[in-house]
Amino acid sequence: MEIIELFKDSLTYPTKDWNKLLIFGVLFIIAGIFGLLQALGIALSQYIAANILEIISAIIFIIVGLIIYGYTLSIVRTTVKDTDDPLPDFDWGKNFIDGIKLAILHIVYYIIPVIITLIVAYATGAFNYFYQLAILSASTGSIQTAPESLVASAGLSFLTVFIIAAILFIIFGLLLLIAKAVLAETEVRCSC
């Protein structure tokens, strides 16, 4: 199959069933709204009602996010079977369970890069440099008064950590895509 055909198929595949695409889009909008509410902290956090709203929005965000994860796994499952079927149907319970499986898979595959990145950050002194710059910024209001040697050492440390983290996350992200396809193909059952 030529690359142009692959691009053509990837662009036309979602449009095979507009209703399912619309439902998927609405789920993304709902997750985005509740995720934004979580990011903003629902401004009135000193009130009890605001705390309850934060908890409710977090629960809705997690549930909708897991359903979206599960539905993407259903899409991968359909394409791995190499059929010309349209988008899979929404099976809310199965999508939720698949979303949990996929979230666990993400956690398992990203534990190693996170641990290695933290070890590299500790070994290069990135935490110490960050602490020193934060204290300097808090006391003077700016890091412009920081000694050049501190800024240079901190920059080298942060750059080292960033490069190693980027390489690790790219490698493990590619491995995660393979694991996602294997999970979709084998349809591991949960004995819940």
C-alpha atoms as a PDB file:
ATOM      1  CA  MET A   1       0.000   0.000   0.000  1.00  0.00           C
ATOM      2  CA  GLU A   2       1.405   3.367  -0.942  1.00  0.00           C
ATOM      3  CA  ILE A   3       1.805   6.165   1.543  1.00  0.00           C
ATOM      4  CA  ILE A   4      -0.725   8.344  -0.278  1.00  0.00           C
ATOM      5  CA  GLU A   5      -3.337   5.613   0.106  1.00  0.00           C
ATOM      6  CA  LEU A   6      -2.522   5.341   3.804  1.00  0.00           C
ATOM      7  CA  PHE A   7      -3.071   9.067   4.289  1.00  0.00           C
ATOM      8  CA  LYS A   8      -6.256   8.950   2.236  1.00  0.00           C
ATOM      9  CA  ASP A   9      -7.595   6.024   4.281  1.00  0.00           C
ATOM     10  CA  SER A  10      -6.675   7.679   7.584  1.00  0.00           C
ATOM     11  CA  LEU A  11      -8.495  10.866   6.613  1.00  0.00           C
ATOM     12  CA  THR A  12     -11.613   9.175   5.272  1.00  0.00           C
ATOM     13  CA  TYR A  13     -11.940   6.470   7.969  1.00  0.00           C
ATOM     14  CA  PRO A  14     -13.535   8.717  10.631  1.00  0.00           C
ATOM     15  CA  THR A  15     -16.073  10.065   8.165  1.00  0.00           C
ATOM     16  CA  LYS A  16     -17.581   6.621   7.472  1.00  0.00           C
ATOM     17  CA  ASP A  17     -20.056   7.138  10.305  1.00  0.00           C
ATOM     18  CA  TRP A  18     -20.785  10.755  11.194  1.00  0.00           C
ATOM     19  CA  ASN A  19     -22.988   9.892  14.195  1.00  0.00           C
ATOM     20  CA  LYS A  20     -20.195   8.025  15.978  1.00  0.00           C
ATOM     21  CA  LEU A  21     -17.724  10.744  15.074  1.00  0.00           C
ATOM     22  CA  LEU A  22     -20.109  13.319  16.544  1.00  0.00           C
ATOM     23  CA  ILE A  23     -20.511  11.309  19.769  1.00  0.00           C
ATOM     24  CA  PHE A  24     -16.727  10.974  20.004  1.00  0.00           C
ATOM     25  CA  GLY A  25     -16.344  14.726  19.491  1.00  0.00           C
ATOM     26  CA  VAL A  26     -18.943  15.506  22.169  1.00  0.00           C
ATOM     27  CA  LEU A  27     -17.102  13.207  24.587  1.00  0.00           C
ATOM     28  CA  PHE A  28     -13.876  15.107  23.867  1.00  0.00           C
ATOM     29  CA  ILE A  29     -15.619  18.427  24.501  1.00  0.00           C
ATOM     30  CA  ILE A  30     -17.086  17.167  27.786  1.00  0.00           C
ATOM     31  CA  ALA A  31     -13.680  15.846  28.884  1.00  0.00           C
ATOM     32  CA  GLY A  32     -12.082  19.130  27.859  1.00  0.00           C
ATOM     33  CA  ILE A  33     -14.566  21.229  29.812  1.00  0.00           C
ATOM     34  CA  PHE A  34     -14.226  19.170  32.983  1.00  0.00           C
ATOM     35  CA  GLY A  35     -10.450  18.981  32.546  1.00  0.00           C
ATOM     36  CA  LEU A  36     -10.349  22.758  32.236  1.00  0.00           C
ATOM     37  CA  LEU A  37     -12.430  23.083  35.392  1.00  0.00           C
ATOM     38  CA  GLN A  38      -9.892  20.871  37.155  1.00  0.00           C
ATOM     39  CA  ALA A  39      -6.981  22.916  35.826  1.00  0.00           C
ATOM     40  CA  LEU A  40      -8.547  26.169  36.966  1.00  0.00           C
ATOM     41  CA  GLY A  41      -9.375  24.687  40.352  1.00  0.00           C
ATOM     42  CA  ILE A  42     -12.976  25.902  40.136  1.00  0.00           C
ATOM     43  CA  ALA A  43     -11.969  29.314  41.506  1.00  0.00           C
ATOM     44  CA  LEU A  44     -14.078  29.308  44.681  1.00  0.00           C
ATOM     45  CA  SER A  45     -12.191  26.544  46.472  1.00  0.00           C
ATOM     46  CA  GLN A  46     -12.794  28.000  49.959  1.00  0.00           C
ATOM     47  CA  TYR A  47     -16.480  27.107  49.788  1.00  0.00           C
ATOM     48  CA  ILE A  48     -17.757  23.595  50.493  1.00  0.00           C
ATOM     49  CA  ALA A  49     -19.908  23.603  47.363  1.00  0.00           C
ATOM     50  CA  ALA A  50     -16.830  24.350  45.242  1.00  0.00           C
ATOM     51  CA  ASN A  51     -14.989  21.376  46.756  1.00  0.00           C
ATOM     52  CA  ILE A  52     -17.916  19.135  45.904  1.00  0.00           C
ATOM     53  CA  LEU A  53     -17.925  20.536  42.356  1.00  0.00           C
ATOM     54  CA  GLU A  54     -14.199  19.802  42.075  1.00  0.00           C
ATOM     55  CA  ILE A  55     -14.741  16.200  43.130  1.00  0.00           C
ATOM     56  CA  ILE A  56     -17.699  15.752  40.771  1.00  0.00           C
ATOM     57  CA  SER A  57     -15.836  17.313  37.840  1.00  0.00           C
ATOM     58  CA  ALA A  58     -12.795  15.123  38.545  1.00  0.00           C
ATOM     59  CA  ILE A  59     -14.962  11.996  38.561  1.00  0.00           C
ATOM     60  CA  ILE A  60     -16.708  12.987  35.323  1.00  0.00           C
ATOM     61  CA  PHE A  61     -13.363  13.842  33.702  1.00  0.00           C
ATOM     62  CA  ILE A  62     -11.901  10.457  34.646  1.00  0.00           C
ATOM     63  CA  ILE A  63     -14.959   8.470  33.533  1.00  0.00           C
ATOM     64  CA  VAL A  64     -15.264  10.259  30.181  1.00  0.00           C
ATOM     65  CA  GLY A  65     -11.501  10.021  29.660  1.00  0.00           C
ATOM     66  CA  LEU A  66     -11.547   6.278  30.262  1.00  0.00           C
ATOM     67  CA  ILE A  67     -14.460   5.849  27.845  1.00  0.00           C
ATOM     68  CA  ILE A  68     -12.505   7.791  25.201  1.00  0.00           C
ATOM     69  CA  TYR A  69      -9.432   5.613  25.873  1.00  0.00           C
ATOM     70  CA  GLY A  70     -11.541   2.489  25.555  1.00  0.00           C
ATOM     71  CA  TYR A  71     -13.149   3.642  22.333  1.00  0.00           C
ATOM     72  CA  THR A  72      -9.738   4.323  20.784  1.00  0.00           C
ATOM     73  CA  LEU A  73      -8.807   0.755  21.712  1.00  0.00           C
ATOM     74  CA  SER A  74     -11.985  -0.430  19.938  1.00  0.00           C
ATOM     75  CA  ILE A  75     -10.894   1.509  16.847  1.00  0.00           C
ATOM     76  CA  VAL A  76      -7.464  -0.121  16.980  1.00  0.00           C
ATOM     77  CA  ARG A  77      -9.139  -3.521  17.463  1.00  0.00           C
ATOM     78  CA  THR A  78     -11.243  -2.955  14.332  1.00  0.00           C
ATOM     79  CA  THR A  79      -8.264  -1.885  12.223  1.00  0.00           C
ATOM     80  CA  VAL A  80      -6.000  -4.677  13.496  1.00  0.00           C
ATOM     81  CA  LYS A  81      -8.579  -7.191  12.282  1.00  0.00           C
ATOM     82  CA  ASP A  82      -8.014  -5.580   8.844  1.00  0.00           C
ATOM     83  CA  THR A  83     -11.648  -5.179   8.027  1.00  0.00           C
ATOM     84  CA  ASP A  84     -13.288  -2.391   6.101  1.00  0.00           C
ATOM     85  CA  ASP A  85     -15.891  -2.004   8.817  1.00  0.00           C
ATOM     86  CA  PRO A  86     -16.943   1.481   9.763  1.00  0.00           C
ATOM     87  CA  LEU A  87     -16.192   2.872  13.172  1.00  0.00           C
ATOM     88  CA  PRO A  88     -17.035   0.444  15.991  1.00  0.00           C
ATOM     89  CA  ASP A  89     -20.184   0.944  18.009  1.00  0.00           C
ATOM     90  CA  PHE A  90     -20.052   2.590  21.397  1.00  0.00           C
ATOM     91  CA  ASP A  91     -20.330  -0.020  24.131  1.00  0.00           C
ATOM     92  CA  TRP A  92     -20.077   2.209  27.176  1.00  0.00           C
ATOM     93  CA  GLY A  93     -19.279  -0.525  29.701  1.00  0.00           C
ATOM     94  CA  LYS A  94     -16.773  -2.309  27.477  1.00  0.00           C
ATOM     95  CA  ASN A  95     -15.190   1.005  26.483  1.00  0.00           C
ATOM     96  CA  PHE A  96     -14.851   1.966  30.158  1.00  0.00           C
ATOM     97  CA  ILE A  97     -13.182  -1.376  31.029  1.00  0.00           C
ATOM     98  CA  ASP A  98     -10.921  -1.124  27.966  1.00  0.00           C
ATOM     99  CA  GLY A  99     -10.054   2.413  29.050  1.00  0.00           C
ATOM    100  CA  ILE A 100      -8.964   1.133  32.452  1.00  0.00           C
ATOM    101  CA  LYS A 101      -6.829  -1.543  30.769  1.00  0.00           C
ATOM    102  CA  LEU A 102      -5.273   1.052  28.497  1.00  0.00           C
ATOM    103  CA  ALA A 103      -4.619   3.449  31.400  1.00  0.00           C
ATOM    104  CA  ILE A 104      -2.864   0.655  33.296  1.00  0.00           C
ATOM    105  CA  LEU A 105      -0.837  -0.121  30.184  1.00  0.00           C
ATOM    106  CA  HIS A 106       0.222   3.537  29.965  1.00  0.00           C
ATOM    107  CA  ILE A 107       1.251   3.543  33.624  1.00  0.00           C
ATOM    108  CA  VAL A 108       3.271   0.336  33.227  1.00  0.00           C
ATOM    109  CA  TYR A 109       5.059   1.575  30.126  1.00  0.00           C
ATOM    110  CA  TYR A 110       5.849   5.025  31.494  1.00  0.00           C
ATOM    111  CA  ILE A 111       7.087   3.960  34.952  1.00  0.00           C
ATOM    112  CA  ILE A 112      10.584   3.161  33.685  1.00  0.00           C
ATOM    113  CA  PRO A 113      11.158   6.471  31.811  1.00  0.00           C
ATOM    114  CA  VAL A 114       9.826   8.453  34.780  1.00  0.00           C
ATOM    115  CA  ILE A 115      12.108   6.652  37.239  1.00  0.00           C
ATOM    116  CA  ILE A 116      15.155   7.003  34.989  1.00  0.00           C
ATOM    117  CA  THR A 117      14.371  10.684  34.398  1.00  0.00           C
ATOM    118  CA  LEU A 118      14.106  11.300  38.148  1.00  0.00           C
ATOM    119  CA  ILE A 119      17.417   9.486  38.722  1.00  0.00           C
ATOM    120  CA  VAL A 120      19.108  11.575  36.019  1.00  0.00           C
ATOM    121  CA  ALA A 121      17.600  14.761  37.475  1.00  0.00           C
ATOM    122  CA  TYR A 122      18.936  13.831  40.902  1.00  0.00           C
ATOM    123  CA  ALA A 123      22.358  12.824  39.526  1.00  0.00           C
ATOM    124  CA  THR A 124      22.775  16.072  37.561  1.00  0.00           C
ATOM    125  CA  GLY A 125      21.631  18.175  40.495  1.00  0.00           C
ATOM    126  CA  ALA A 126      18.573  19.529  38.683  1.00  0.00           C
ATOM    127  CA  PHE A 127      16.490  19.485  41.879  1.00  0.00           C
ATOM    128  CA  ASN A 128      19.160  21.407  43.765  1.00  0.00           C
ATOM    129  CA  TYR A 129      19.529  23.984  40.988  1.00  0.00           C
ATOM    130  CA  PHE A 130      15.770  24.384  40.786  1.00  0.00           C
ATOM    131  CA  TYR A 131      15.601  24.900  44.551  1.00  0.00           C
ATOM    132  CA  GLN A 132      18.401  27.486  44.475  1.00  0.00           C
ATOM    133  CA  LEU A 133      16.800  29.408  41.610  1.00  0.00           C
ATOM    134  CA  ALA A 134      13.383  29.292  43.313  1.00  0.00           C
ATOM    135  CA  ILE A 135      14.822  30.645  46.583  1.00  0.00           C
ATOM    136  CA  LEU A 136      16.694  33.361  44.684  1.00  0.00           C
ATOM    137  CA  SER A 137      13.588  34.277  42.726  1.00  0.00           C
ATOM    138  CA  ALA A 138      11.466  34.404  45.885  1.00  0.00           C
ATOM    139  CA  SER A 139      13.941  36.591  47.763  1.00  0.00           C
ATOM    140  CA  THR A 140      14.832  39.032  44.979  1.00  0.00           C
ATOM    141  CA  GLY A 141      11.751  38.734  42.782  1.00  0.00           C
ATOM    142  CA  SER A 142      13.847  37.759  39.757  1.00  0.00           C
ATOM    143  CA  ILE A 143      16.465  35.244  38.725  1.00  0.00           C
ATOM    144  CA  GLN A 144      18.309  37.912  36.752  1.00  0.00           C
ATOM    145  CA  THR A 145      20.492  38.551  39.790  1.00  0.00           C
ATOM    146  CA  ALA A 146      21.611  34.906  39.857  1.00  0.00           C
ATOM    147  CA  PRO A 147      25.293  34.261  39.316  1.00  0.00           C
ATOM    148  CA  GLU A 148      26.112  33.255  35.747  1.00  0.00           C
ATOM    149  CA  SER A 149      27.773  30.054  36.924  1.00  0.00           C
ATOM    150  CA  LEU A 150      24.565  28.976  38.694  1.00  0.00           C
ATOM    151  CA  VAL A 151      22.434  29.746  35.647  1.00  0.00           C
ATOM    152  CA  ALA A 152      24.857  27.966  33.301  1.00  0.00           C
ATOM    153  CA  SER A 153      25.107  24.887  35.529  1.00  0.00           C
ATOM    154  CA  ALA A 154      21.339  24.780  35.994  1.00  0.00           C
ATOM    155  CA  GLY A 155      20.760  25.172  32.258  1.00  0.00           C
ATOM    156  CA  LEU A 156      23.166  22.336  31.448  1.00  0.00           C
ATOM    157  CA  SER A 157      21.531  20.124  34.065  1.00  0.00           C
ATOM    158  CA  PHE A 158      18.001  20.887  32.837  1.00  0.00           C
ATOM    159  CA  LEU A 159      19.032  20.346  29.203  1.00  0.00           C
ATOM    160  CA  THR A 160      20.604  16.984  30.022  1.00  0.00           C
ATOM    161  CA  VAL A 161      17.491  15.851  31.871  1.00  0.00           C
ATOM    162  CA  PHE A 162      15.246  17.083  29.038  1.00  0.00           C
ATOM    163  CA  ILE A 163      17.221  15.292  26.304  1.00  0.00           C
ATOM    164  CA  ILE A 164      17.370  11.996  28.180  1.00  0.00           C
ATOM    165  CA  ALA A 165      13.669  12.223  29.121  1.00  0.00           C
ATOM    166  CA  ALA A 166      12.679  13.024  25.525  1.00  0.00           C
ATOM    167  CA  ILE A 167      14.639  10.050  24.167  1.00  0.00           C
ATOM    168  CA  LEU A 168      13.195   7.696  26.786  1.00  0.00           C
ATOM    169  CA  PHE A 169       9.622   8.850  26.341  1.00  0.00           C
ATOM    170  CA  ILE A 170       9.833   8.590  22.549  1.00  0.00           C
ATOM    171  CA  ILE A 171      11.216   5.039  22.735  1.00  0.00           C
ATOM    172  CA  PHE A 172       8.709   3.885  25.329  1.00  0.00           C
ATOM    173  CA  GLY A 173       5.896   5.703  23.506  1.00  0.00           C
ATOM    174  CA  LEU A 174       6.643   3.677  20.373  1.00  0.00           C
ATOM    175  CA  LEU A 175       6.732   0.488  22.436  1.00  0.00           C
ATOM    176  CA  LEU A 176       3.416   1.521  23.991  1.00  0.00           C
ATOM    177  CA  LEU A 177       1.830   1.784  20.531  1.00  0.00           C
ATOM    178  CA  ILE A 178       2.904  -1.787  19.821  1.00  0.00           C
ATOM    179  CA  ALA A 179       1.565  -2.935  23.205  1.00  0.00           C
ATOM    180  CA  LYS A 180      -1.732  -1.162  22.501  1.00  0.00           C
ATOM    181  CA  ALA A 181      -2.069  -3.036  19.211  1.00  0.00           C
ATOM    182  CA  VAL A 182      -1.281  -6.335  20.948  1.00  0.00           C
ATOM    183  CA  LEU A 183      -3.849  -5.565  23.664  1.00  0.00           C
ATOM    184  CA  ALA A 184      -6.432  -4.771  20.995  1.00  0.00           C
ATOM    185  CA  GLU A 185      -5.653  -7.929  19.046  1.00  0.00           C
ATOM    186  CA  THR A 186      -5.645 -10.337  21.983  1.00  0.00           C
ATOM    187  CA  GLU A 187      -8.671  -8.769  23.717  1.00  0.00           C
ATOM    188  CA  VAL A 188      -7.440  -9.649  27.201  1.00  0.00           C
ATOM    189  CA  ARG A 189     -10.503 -10.405  29.313  1.00  0.00           C
ATOM    190  CA  CYS A 190     -10.972  -9.032  32.801  1.00  0.00           C
ATOM    191  CA  SER A 191     -12.331 -11.461  35.386  1.00  0.00           C
ATOM    192  CA  CYS A 192     -14.073  -8.648  37.256  1.00  0.00           C
END
